[in-house]
Protein backbone atom coordinates (compact mmCIF):
# COMPACT_ATOMS: atom_id res chain seq x y z
CA MET A 1 29.28 -108.22 -12.22
CA ALA A 2 27.60 -109.57 -9.04
CA HIS A 3 25.48 -107.26 -7.24
CA ILE A 4 24.45 -107.77 -4.07
CA ASP A 5 21.34 -106.79 -2.32
CA TYR A 6 21.42 -105.77 1.40
CA TYR A 7 18.30 -105.87 3.14
CA MET A 8 17.79 -104.55 5.99
CA THR A 9 16.76 -101.74 8.49
CA SER A 10 18.84 -98.36 10.38
CA SER A 11 17.28 -99.36 13.83
CA SER A 12 19.32 -102.47 13.60
CA PRO A 13 22.74 -102.04 16.06
CA PHE A 14 23.68 -104.94 13.45
CA VAL A 15 23.47 -102.87 10.59
CA TYR A 16 25.07 -99.87 12.09
CA LEU A 17 26.99 -102.09 13.05
CA ALA A 18 27.79 -103.67 9.46
CA GLY A 19 29.24 -99.40 8.95
CA ALA A 20 30.01 -99.30 5.16
CA ARG A 21 31.90 -102.16 4.86
CA PRO A 22 28.84 -104.11 2.66
CA ALA A 23 29.47 -101.56 0.63
CA GLU A 24 33.02 -101.55 0.90
CA LEU A 25 33.61 -105.00 -0.09
CA ALA A 26 31.28 -103.83 -3.35
CA ALA A 27 33.13 -101.81 -4.83
CA LYS A 28 36.08 -104.34 -4.00
CA HIS A 29 34.42 -106.31 -6.26
CA GLY A 30 33.69 -104.25 -8.42
CA ALA A 31 30.06 -105.85 -7.19
CA THR A 32 26.68 -104.06 -7.24
CA LEU A 33 24.89 -103.05 -4.48
CA THR A 34 21.45 -101.80 -3.72
CA TYR A 35 19.89 -101.30 -0.24
CA LYS A 36 16.32 -102.67 0.77
CA PRO A 37 15.34 -101.23 4.31
CA LEU A 38 11.83 -103.26 5.12
CA GLU A 39 10.04 -103.67 7.75
CA THR A 40 11.91 -106.03 10.28
CA TRP A 41 9.94 -106.67 13.26
CA GLU A 42 7.32 -108.14 10.57
CA LEU A 43 9.82 -109.25 8.67
CA PHE A 44 10.65 -111.25 11.92
CA ARG A 45 6.71 -112.36 12.32
CA ARG A 46 6.76 -113.91 8.60
CA THR A 47 9.01 -116.45 9.02
CA GLY A 48 9.17 -117.61 12.40
CA GLY A 49 11.04 -114.98 15.19
CA LYS A 50 9.86 -112.08 17.51
CA PRO A 51 10.20 -108.35 17.59
CA GLN A 52 13.84 -107.71 20.20
CA PRO A 53 10.49 -106.66 22.50
CA GLU A 54 8.97 -110.68 22.79
CA ARG A 55 11.96 -111.98 22.75
CA HIS A 56 12.45 -114.44 26.19
CA GLU A 57 14.97 -111.94 28.63
CA SER A 58 18.08 -115.02 28.02
CA ARG A 59 17.86 -113.39 23.97
CA LYS A 60 17.50 -109.90 25.17
CA ALA A 61 20.45 -110.34 27.98
CA MET A 62 23.20 -112.68 25.02
CA ARG A 63 21.63 -109.72 22.03
CA LEU A 64 23.37 -106.97 24.44
CA GLN A 65 26.75 -109.21 25.15
CA GLU A 66 26.90 -109.22 21.43
CA MET A 67 26.71 -105.87 21.05
CA ARG A 68 29.18 -104.93 23.69
CA ARG A 69 31.29 -107.38 22.34
CA GLN A 70 31.00 -107.22 18.76
CA ALA A 71 31.02 -102.79 18.73
CA ALA A 72 34.60 -103.35 21.19
CA LYS A 73 36.43 -105.89 18.88
CA LEU A 74 35.43 -102.94 15.15
CA GLY A 75 35.92 -100.48 17.53
CA MET A 76 32.94 -98.46 17.47
CA PRO A 77 31.27 -96.69 20.32
CA ILE A 78 27.61 -97.92 20.74
CA ASN A 79 24.74 -97.65 22.81
CA LEU A 80 23.38 -100.48 24.53
CA HIS A 81 20.14 -98.51 25.40
CA PRO A 82 20.00 -95.23 22.97
CA ALA A 83 16.92 -92.94 24.53
CA TYR A 84 14.89 -93.27 21.20
CA TRP A 85 14.50 -96.96 20.80
CA PRO A 86 11.99 -99.20 19.79
CA VAL A 87 11.70 -96.99 16.76
CA ASN A 88 9.52 -96.45 14.21
CA ALA A 89 12.24 -96.31 11.40
CA ALA A 90 9.60 -96.81 8.55
CA PRO A 91 10.52 -92.62 7.33
CA ALA A 92 14.59 -92.89 7.74
CA GLY A 93 13.74 -96.54 5.42
CA TYR A 94 11.72 -94.38 2.91
CA ALA A 95 14.45 -91.48 3.20
CA MET A 96 16.60 -94.09 1.93
CA ILE A 97 14.71 -95.72 -0.78
CA ALA A 98 14.19 -92.12 -1.99
CA ALA A 99 17.61 -91.25 -1.97
CA GLN A 100 18.76 -94.16 -3.62
CA LYS A 101 17.25 -93.51 -6.60
CA ALA A 102 16.90 -89.95 -6.85
CA GLY A 103 21.02 -90.23 -6.56
CA GLY A 104 23.18 -87.31 -6.54
CA GLY A 105 24.60 -88.26 -2.59
CA ASP A 106 26.06 -91.05 -0.45
CA ILE A 107 23.73 -93.23 -0.66
CA THR A 108 26.32 -95.57 2.30
CA ALA A 109 27.30 -91.90 3.66
CA LEU A 110 22.86 -91.30 4.82
CA VAL A 111 22.61 -95.71 5.26
CA THR A 112 25.67 -94.96 8.23
CA GLY A 113 24.58 -91.56 9.09
CA LEU A 114 21.75 -92.63 9.66
CA SER A 115 22.23 -95.86 11.68
CA ARG A 116 25.14 -93.75 13.61
CA ALA A 117 21.82 -91.62 15.08
CA CYS A 118 20.32 -94.16 16.36
CA TRP A 119 23.19 -96.02 17.98
CA VAL A 120 25.20 -93.42 18.81
CA GLU A 121 24.58 -89.75 18.54
CA GLU A 122 20.93 -90.57 20.93
CA ARG A 123 18.45 -89.24 18.22
CA ASP A 124 15.03 -89.89 16.88
CA ILE A 125 15.11 -91.73 13.25
CA SER A 126 11.27 -90.77 13.23
CA ASP A 127 11.95 -87.47 13.17
CA ASP A 128 11.85 -85.00 10.18
CA ALA A 129 14.18 -82.94 11.22
CA VAL A 130 16.69 -85.45 11.67
CA ILE A 131 16.09 -87.11 8.60
CA ARG A 132 16.38 -83.61 6.49
CA ASP A 133 19.63 -83.71 8.32
CA CYS A 134 21.10 -86.43 7.17
CA LEU A 135 20.08 -86.71 4.20
CA GLY A 136 21.78 -82.83 3.93
CA ALA A 137 25.27 -84.22 5.77
CA ALA A 138 25.52 -87.20 2.73
CA GLY A 139 24.77 -84.98 -0.60
CA PHE A 140 21.09 -85.29 -0.97
CA ASP A 141 17.75 -83.15 -1.20
CA PRO A 142 16.04 -82.53 2.59
CA ALA A 143 12.89 -82.19 0.78
CA LEU A 144 13.45 -85.89 -0.51
CA ALA A 145 11.85 -86.96 2.95
CA ASP A 146 8.78 -85.39 1.22
CA SER A 147 8.50 -85.82 -1.89
CA GLY A 148 9.88 -89.29 -1.92
CA LEU A 149 7.15 -90.28 0.41
CA LEU A 150 4.93 -92.13 -1.52
CA THR A 151 7.54 -93.98 -3.70
CA GLY A 152 9.37 -94.63 -0.50
CA ALA A 153 6.65 -96.50 1.57
CA GLU A 154 5.49 -98.58 -1.79
CA THR A 155 8.77 -99.94 -2.36
CA TYR A 156 9.45 -100.61 1.25
CA ALA A 157 6.86 -103.09 1.07
CA ALA A 158 7.54 -104.16 -1.81
CA ASN A 159 11.55 -105.15 0.03
CA LEU A 160 9.38 -106.59 2.70
CA GLU A 161 7.92 -108.89 0.35
CA GLU A 162 10.37 -109.43 -1.96
CA ALA A 163 12.79 -110.23 1.31
CA VAL A 164 10.11 -112.76 2.42
CA ALA A 165 9.81 -114.65 -0.84
CA ARG A 166 14.71 -114.73 -1.25
CA GLY A 167 15.14 -116.51 2.65
CA VAL A 168 15.22 -113.28 4.32
CA PHE A 169 15.02 -113.67 8.32
CA GLY A 170 16.16 -111.12 10.34
CA VAL A 171 18.83 -108.28 9.20
CA PRO A 172 21.89 -106.61 8.43
CA PHE A 173 20.85 -109.52 5.17
CA PHE A 174 23.30 -110.33 2.09
CA ALA A 175 21.69 -112.06 -1.07
CA VAL A 176 23.92 -112.59 -3.71
CA GLY A 177 21.39 -115.17 -6.39
CA GLU A 178 20.92 -117.48 -4.76
CA GLU A 179 23.31 -117.74 -1.71
CA LEU A 180 22.16 -115.37 1.72
CA PHE A 181 24.51 -114.55 4.08
CA TRP A 182 22.93 -113.06 6.80
CA GLY A 183 24.42 -111.21 9.39
CA GLN A 184 27.56 -108.62 10.17
CA ASP A 185 29.56 -110.73 11.46
CA ARG A 186 29.32 -112.98 7.92
CA LEU A 187 30.53 -110.18 6.03
CA GLU A 188 33.90 -111.68 5.93
CA ASP A 189 31.95 -114.75 4.45
CA LEU A 190 30.59 -112.84 2.15
CA ASP A 191 34.06 -110.73 1.00
CA LEU A 192 34.94 -114.73 0.29
CA HIS A 193 31.92 -115.35 -1.85
CA LEU A 194 31.86 -112.67 -4.31
CA ALA A 195 36.39 -113.26 -4.38
CA GLY A 196 35.17 -116.58 -5.96
CA ARG A 197 36.69 -119.42 -3.46
CA LEU A 198 33.32 -119.72 -1.49
């Protein structure tokens, strides 16, 4: 059985645009999937990139065009300039890690709910109330926002180290053994790989 490690953060517009498709591909191919939230700006610095606010204006402009075009292609709403961005995505990451470990809810609904909160609903995903609401909406105990804090923080840091060691340099990033796929626009390639055609 194939396994997909999904390196991501709910503050990324391209993770939002990936939506539930990674989980749907895993189900389609009988693969397992683990969400691996991490600190992306530190990932960029560690792997030769720059956080978005530090990039050249031409790169910032291209990012906005890509966000708009990809959202239109997918028929998904997106706010190119959300009220709460940049945002500290660590608390949301800790909650995803705790929820994934605890079980009992829909982890994909939590991941997509947090991303949608940032990129569509103008909500602050660093706010405990927003995180609790998203946990509850996905069928998890909202108290995981507190009880999973320590484990979440440790795993969040470990995910970054693991990502750097595996050659991950951005998000969303999908790893199936030695095969790496960067970007929501590479999900078709991931699909073909899982089908044994690529």
